[in-house]
Amino acid sequence: MHFELTDLVREKGLLTTMTFAPAIGAFIIFLWPRLSNRAIKWIALGAAAIPALCIIPLIRMYDPSLPQGADNTVANFQFVMRADWIKA
């Protein structure tokens, strides 16, 4: 399977995964209140590890030569996920 890193961010939902993985982990812990402390720690570690791993492609794609605002020109976000919420 061949893919570009930009496709991973735009089409595969990498930013969404980074955003919601910890929340999903917290929700799983919330659903099972009788989990042991050890299980809670492992679920929390897994939920925190997902964004930590997802950031690796973003670091590789980051271009520090682009203008960042302030003294340069208008700043633009380098990683953006666009989705239609309400179809018009």
Protein backbone atom coordinates (compact mmCIF):
# COMPACT_ATOMS: atom_id res chain seq x y z
CA MET A 1 0.00 0.00 0.00
CA HIS A 2 1.62 3.24 -1.16
CA PHE A 3 0.50 6.56 0.24
CA GLU A 4 1.84 10.05 0.60
CA LEU A 5 2.17 11.65 4.01
CA THR A 6 -0.14 14.48 2.94
CA ASP A 7 -2.83 11.91 2.12
CA LEU A 8 -2.41 10.48 5.60
CA VAL A 9 -3.20 13.86 7.13
CA ARG A 10 -5.96 14.98 4.78
CA GLU A 11 -7.78 11.82 3.82
CA LYS A 12 -7.05 9.30 6.55
CA GLY A 13 -8.02 11.52 9.47
CA LEU A 14 -4.71 11.70 11.28
CA LEU A 15 -5.58 14.98 13.00
CA THR A 16 -8.98 13.64 14.04
CA THR A 17 -7.36 10.53 15.47
CA MET A 18 -4.92 12.64 17.46
CA THR A 19 -7.75 14.77 18.79
CA PHE A 20 -10.21 12.10 19.84
CA ALA A 21 -8.06 9.11 20.88
CA PRO A 22 -7.54 10.38 24.45
CA ALA A 23 -11.24 11.19 24.76
CA ILE A 24 -12.18 7.70 23.59
CA GLY A 25 -9.76 6.22 26.12
CA ALA A 26 -11.33 8.28 28.90
CA PHE A 27 -14.79 7.21 27.76
CA ILE A 28 -13.77 3.55 27.86
CA ILE A 29 -12.53 4.01 31.42
CA PHE A 30 -15.79 5.77 32.28
CA LEU A 31 -17.89 2.91 30.85
CA TRP A 32 -16.29 0.27 33.06
CA PRO A 33 -16.13 1.75 36.58
CA ARG A 34 -14.88 -1.49 38.15
CA LEU A 35 -11.64 -1.64 36.21
CA SER A 36 -8.52 -2.27 38.21
CA ASN A 37 -5.99 0.51 38.59
CA ARG A 38 -3.61 -1.45 36.39
CA ALA A 39 -6.17 -1.71 33.58
CA ILE A 40 -6.95 2.00 33.84
CA LYS A 41 -3.25 2.82 33.54
CA TRP A 42 -2.85 0.62 30.45
CA ILE A 43 -5.91 2.11 28.76
CA ALA A 44 -4.67 5.62 29.52
CA LEU A 45 -1.20 4.76 28.23
CA GLY A 46 -2.64 3.37 25.00
CA ALA A 47 -4.89 6.38 24.51
CA ALA A 48 -1.96 8.74 25.09
CA ALA A 49 0.40 6.75 22.86
CA ILE A 50 -1.84 7.07 19.80
CA PRO A 51 -1.37 10.85 19.41
CA ALA A 52 2.31 10.48 20.29
CA LEU A 53 2.75 8.08 17.37
CA CYS A 54 0.54 10.10 15.04
CA ILE A 55 2.74 13.16 15.45
CA ILE A 56 5.72 11.46 13.79
CA PRO A 57 4.45 12.01 10.20
CA LEU A 58 3.51 15.59 11.08
CA ILE A 59 7.03 16.32 12.27
CA ARG A 60 8.40 14.88 9.03
CA MET A 61 6.07 17.04 6.91
CA TYR A 62 6.50 20.29 8.87
CA ASP A 63 8.13 23.02 6.78
CA PRO A 64 9.78 25.65 8.97
CA SER A 65 10.58 27.81 5.94
CA LEU A 66 6.92 28.79 5.50
CA PRO A 67 5.92 32.21 6.89
CA GLN A 68 4.76 32.04 10.48
CA GLY A 69 3.22 35.49 10.82
CA ALA A 70 4.54 38.31 13.03
CA ASP A 71 7.39 39.78 10.94
CA ASN A 72 6.72 37.68 7.86
CA THR A 73 3.57 37.58 5.78
CA VAL A 74 0.19 36.20 6.82
CA ALA A 75 0.51 32.98 8.79
CA ASN A 76 -1.19 29.85 7.47
CA PHE A 77 -1.76 26.54 9.20
CA GLN A 78 0.29 23.75 7.71
CA PHE A 79 -1.96 20.90 8.81
CA VAL A 80 -5.68 21.41 8.35
CA MET A 81 -8.56 18.94 8.13
CA ARG A 82 -11.58 20.30 6.31
CA ALA A 83 -14.99 18.64 6.52
CA ASP A 84 -18.52 19.71 5.74
CA TRP A 85 -20.66 19.67 8.86
CA ILE A 86 -23.97 20.58 7.32
CA LYS A 87 -24.51 19.98 3.63
CA ALA A 88 -26.05 23.06 2.09
